[in-house]
């Protein structure tokens, strides 16, 4: 079984794992990157130039010595159809070797989305508790929500305690964030002040 190596293809930002001995043209194609290879990968056109940044590859072939200048070879340029992978590597693909130009999307589509949030803010006004009205805070909140055609909420005592403290010190105005009948036990409440 052949050793598997990871190849990073820059500046496209793709990463692929290939078997040792795979040439870089095949690796790029497996990653969904179309390189210019007019000769079909036999090495006679010289259009699939890439630059090796890191990693170990097969030795420079005679075909590459014919197609590439000595300074290109010294700079790490190879033909993707000739360079075989022998380790994890990072490869730079020049723009002229890409079959299609790389584009950056700078505009988006204006798509309307119907928002249906499960939590939303809602202002309610509650009368302060008194000796003539001994209902719980939760009962008061649910009555106010019912008057506004919203479903009741449920909450633990730990959730209602901060609500009561802030409610007792205010004029009765409170912000509640009721979801459509959700359970707010275990301390997950949206009632707050």
Foldseek 3Di string as FASTA:
>chain_A
DFDWAWEAEPPVGFIDIDGFFDFQCVRCVVRVFHWDDVPVLPLQPLLQKKFWDDADWDDADPSQPVNDDPVCVVRRIHRRSPTTHDHHTYIYGDQSGGPDGDDDDPDDDDDDDDDDDQWDKDKFFFDDDDPVHPDDPQVRVQVRCVVVVAHGEEEDPVQCVQVNVVCNPDPRMFMAIHGRHDYHYPNRGRTHD
